Amino acid sequence: MSRSGALFVTLVLLALIFRPAFARQDTSIPGSSLEIEGQLRSIDEGTSFKNIIVRLERFGGGLVDQRTTDSMGRFRFTNLQPGQYIVSVYALGFTAEPQQVEISRQLIRRGQVFLTLKPDKLTAAPAAPGLLDAKVPAEAQKEYQKGVAALEEKNPKKAIPHLEKAVNLYPGFYQAQLLLGTTYMDGQQWN
């Protein structure tokens, strides 16, 4: 083998040996991973932003990740691949225009998004506490009130049967369904 051939083989072997070290990404350096972060805003004062669902999808379609916001309405998606993404939010009673974000290793490593929540007049907002739907039968309302009273006494085990009965008596009783589901979740009863 000629001297230039041996040099070429040596360079190729060195490149193969040290390639993984160069290809690795040091995530301890700020800004080394690709991410999208953002915050929710509202045109209404006093809107709570905690636990609102934010979805991240690929531009061509397909869910990448789904997160809930913190108490300030902030969210973050990390360890992303370069590409175009769409960030959308789902909040009962509100709408927000989805935002398109493009991130890359060379130009934009951290995408920033601000989503503005606007009241959605088409989505029925939940009834205010203490108000009941007039279509709910009296028996279902009584069971619901018993369930609410048990929850006020901090007794979810006593509340659940009343709320279940209220929903069984009137399946369209959305307040009872919501309170029952919340009570199950608070008690970590996922079944």
Protein backbone atom coordinates (compact mmCIF):
# COMPACT_ATOMS: atom_id res chain seq x y z
CA MET A 1 0.00 0.00 0.00
CA SER A 2 1.30 3.42 -0.89
CA ARG A 3 2.05 6.06 1.67
CA SER A 4 -0.93 8.23 0.56
CA GLY A 5 -3.23 5.16 0.73
CA ALA A 6 -2.07 4.38 4.27
CA LEU A 7 -2.60 8.01 5.27
CA PHE A 8 -6.12 7.91 3.81
CA VAL A 9 -6.99 4.68 5.67
CA THR A 10 -5.59 6.16 8.90
CA LEU A 11 -7.69 9.31 8.50
CA VAL A 12 -10.84 7.29 7.80
CA LEU A 13 -10.24 5.11 10.87
CA LEU A 14 -9.63 8.15 13.08
CA ALA A 15 -12.80 9.78 11.75
CA LEU A 16 -14.81 6.64 12.55
CA ILE A 17 -13.30 6.34 16.02
CA PHE A 18 -13.84 9.98 17.04
CA ARG A 19 -17.10 10.56 15.17
CA PRO A 20 -19.37 9.62 18.13
CA ALA A 21 -17.56 12.12 20.36
CA PHE A 22 -18.21 14.93 17.89
CA ALA A 23 -21.79 13.87 17.15
CA ARG A 24 -22.84 13.80 20.79
CA GLN A 25 -24.73 16.78 22.08
CA ASP A 26 -23.77 18.18 25.45
CA THR A 27 -27.11 18.89 27.12
CA SER A 28 -25.40 20.51 30.12
CA ILE A 29 -24.63 23.58 27.99
CA PRO A 30 -27.60 25.98 27.95
CA GLY A 31 -29.23 26.07 24.54
CA SER A 32 -27.61 22.82 23.40
CA SER A 33 -30.91 20.94 23.05
CA LEU A 34 -33.72 22.04 20.79
CA GLU A 35 -36.86 23.17 22.57
CA ILE A 36 -40.04 25.17 22.28
CA GLU A 37 -41.24 27.16 25.24
CA GLY A 38 -44.14 29.49 25.62
CA GLN A 39 -46.79 31.11 27.72
CA LEU A 40 -50.54 31.60 27.55
CA ARG A 41 -52.09 35.05 27.65
CA SER A 42 -55.71 36.10 27.90
CA ILE A 43 -57.73 39.14 26.96
CA ASP A 44 -59.79 38.53 30.13
CA GLU A 45 -58.34 39.46 33.50
CA GLY A 46 -58.29 36.79 36.17
CA THR A 47 -58.16 33.78 33.85
CA SER A 48 -56.39 30.83 35.47
CA PHE A 49 -53.77 29.25 33.26
CA LYS A 50 -52.88 26.26 35.44
CA ASN A 51 -53.20 22.76 33.94
CA ILE A 52 -54.31 23.87 30.48
CA ILE A 53 -53.43 21.32 27.79
CA VAL A 54 -50.87 22.41 25.18
CA ARG A 55 -50.19 20.11 22.22
CA LEU A 56 -47.11 19.94 20.01
CA GLU A 57 -47.60 18.41 16.56
CA ARG A 58 -45.36 17.99 13.54
CA PHE A 59 -46.18 20.40 10.73
CA GLY A 60 -47.05 17.49 8.44
CA GLY A 61 -49.27 15.92 11.11
CA GLY A 62 -48.74 13.68 14.10
CA LEU A 63 -48.68 14.38 17.82
CA VAL A 64 -45.18 14.84 19.25
CA ASP A 65 -46.00 15.68 22.87
CA GLN A 66 -48.69 17.09 25.13
CA ARG A 67 -48.06 19.09 28.31
CA THR A 68 -50.04 21.05 30.86
CA THR A 69 -49.19 24.59 31.84
CA ASP A 70 -47.88 25.71 35.21
CA SER A 71 -49.71 28.29 37.35
CA MET A 72 -48.32 31.14 35.22
CA GLY A 73 -49.42 29.54 31.95
CA ARG A 74 -45.89 28.53 30.93
CA PHE A 75 -44.99 25.35 29.08
CA ARG A 76 -41.88 23.77 27.53
CA PHE A 77 -41.19 20.97 25.07
CA THR A 78 -37.57 19.73 25.15
CA ASN A 79 -35.25 17.33 23.31
CA LEU A 80 -36.87 18.03 19.94
CA GLN A 81 -35.62 17.23 16.48
CA PRO A 82 -35.07 20.04 13.97
CA GLY A 83 -38.18 20.83 11.97
CA GLN A 84 -41.48 22.66 11.81
CA TYR A 85 -44.03 22.26 14.57
CA ILE A 86 -47.51 23.49 15.42
CA VAL A 87 -48.36 24.47 19.01
CA SER A 88 -52.04 24.51 19.96
CA VAL A 89 -53.98 24.86 23.18
CA TYR A 90 -57.21 23.28 24.43
CA ALA A 91 -59.05 25.16 27.17
CA LEU A 92 -62.77 24.78 27.88
CA GLY A 93 -64.59 27.98 26.99
CA PHE A 94 -61.59 29.50 25.14
CA THR A 95 -59.97 29.39 21.73
CA ALA A 96 -56.48 30.28 20.58
CA GLU A 97 -54.92 30.39 17.14
CA PRO A 98 -52.35 27.59 16.71
CA GLN A 99 -48.78 28.85 16.23
CA GLN A 100 -46.23 27.48 13.78
CA VAL A 101 -42.62 27.24 15.00
CA GLU A 102 -39.48 26.17 13.17
CA ILE A 103 -36.34 25.13 15.07
CA SER A 104 -32.95 24.03 13.79
CA ARG A 105 -29.49 23.29 15.14
CA GLN A 106 -27.93 26.23 13.30
CA LEU A 107 -30.40 29.12 13.58
CA ILE A 108 -33.19 28.78 16.12
CA ARG A 109 -32.46 26.34 18.94
CA ARG A 110 -35.25 27.59 21.20
CA GLY A 111 -38.61 28.58 19.76
CA GLN A 112 -40.78 30.99 21.73
CA VAL A 113 -44.57 30.99 21.48
CA PHE A 114 -47.25 33.20 23.02
CA LEU A 115 -50.81 31.95 22.66
CA THR A 116 -53.67 34.35 23.39
CA LEU A 117 -56.82 32.80 24.82
CA LYS A 118 -60.10 34.37 23.73
CA PRO A 119 -63.55 33.48 25.09
CA ASP A 120 -65.29 30.99 22.81
CA LYS A 121 -68.95 31.84 22.50
CA LEU A 122 -69.70 28.50 20.82
CA THR A 123 -68.42 26.40 23.72
CA ALA A 124 -70.85 26.21 26.58
CA ALA A 125 -69.08 27.37 29.69
CA PRO A 126 -69.72 25.32 32.81
CA ALA A 127 -72.46 26.64 35.02
CA ALA A 128 -71.46 28.79 37.94
CA PRO A 129 -71.25 27.05 41.30
CA GLY A 130 -74.65 26.79 42.93
CA LEU A 131 -76.53 26.92 39.63
CA LEU A 132 -78.09 23.79 38.17
CA ASP A 133 -79.47 22.98 34.75
CA ALA A 134 -83.28 23.26 34.82
CA LYS A 135 -83.56 20.03 32.78
CA VAL A 136 -81.99 17.96 35.58
CA PRO A 137 -84.66 15.93 37.43
CA ALA A 138 -85.24 16.81 41.09
CA GLU A 139 -84.02 13.39 42.31
CA ALA A 140 -80.71 13.77 40.43
CA GLN A 141 -80.32 17.30 41.85
CA LYS A 142 -80.83 15.97 45.39
CA GLU A 143 -78.16 13.30 44.90
CA TYR A 144 -75.79 15.88 43.44
CA GLN A 145 -76.34 18.20 46.44
CA LYS A 146 -75.64 15.29 48.82
CA GLY A 147 -72.41 14.60 46.94
CA VAL A 148 -71.39 18.27 47.11
CA ALA A 149 -72.14 18.35 50.85
CA ALA A 150 -70.01 15.23 51.40
CA LEU A 151 -67.13 16.81 49.50
CA GLU A 152 -67.43 19.98 51.59
CA GLU A 153 -67.05 17.71 54.64
CA LYS A 154 -63.90 16.30 52.96
CA ASN A 155 -65.48 12.87 52.58
CA PRO A 156 -65.01 11.76 48.94
CA LYS A 157 -65.93 8.12 49.70
CA LYS A 158 -69.36 9.27 50.82
CA ALA A 159 -69.69 11.70 47.87
CA ILE A 160 -68.90 9.26 45.04
CA PRO A 161 -72.06 7.08 45.36
CA HIS A 162 -74.28 10.19 45.38
CA LEU A 163 -72.58 11.66 42.33
CA GLU A 164 -72.72 8.32 40.50
CA LYS A 165 -76.45 8.06 41.25
CA ALA A 166 -77.00 11.63 40.00
CA VAL A 167 -75.27 10.76 36.71
CA ASN A 168 -77.21 7.48 36.40
CA LEU A 169 -80.51 9.29 36.96
CA TYR A 170 -79.68 11.91 34.33
CA PRO A 171 -76.72 11.05 32.02
CA GLY A 172 -76.70 14.60 30.62
CA PHE A 173 -75.91 16.04 34.07
CA TYR A 174 -72.54 17.51 33.12
CA GLN A 175 -71.84 19.23 36.44
CA ALA A 176 -72.24 15.90 38.24
CA GLN A 177 -70.03 14.15 35.66
CA LEU A 178 -67.33 16.78 36.04
CA LEU A 179 -67.40 16.70 39.83
CA LEU A 180 -67.41 12.88 39.84
CA GLY A 181 -64.44 12.74 37.48
CA THR A 182 -62.54 15.33 39.51
CA THR A 183 -63.25 13.41 42.71
CA TYR A 184 -61.96 10.19 41.15
CA MET A 185 -58.82 11.97 39.93
CA ASP A 186 -58.18 13.60 43.31
CA GLY A 187 -58.42 10.16 44.91
CA GLN A 188 -56.22 8.66 42.16
CA GLN A 189 -58.96 6.17 41.28
CA TRP A 190 -58.04 5.81 37.61
CA ASN A 191 -60.34 2.87 36.88
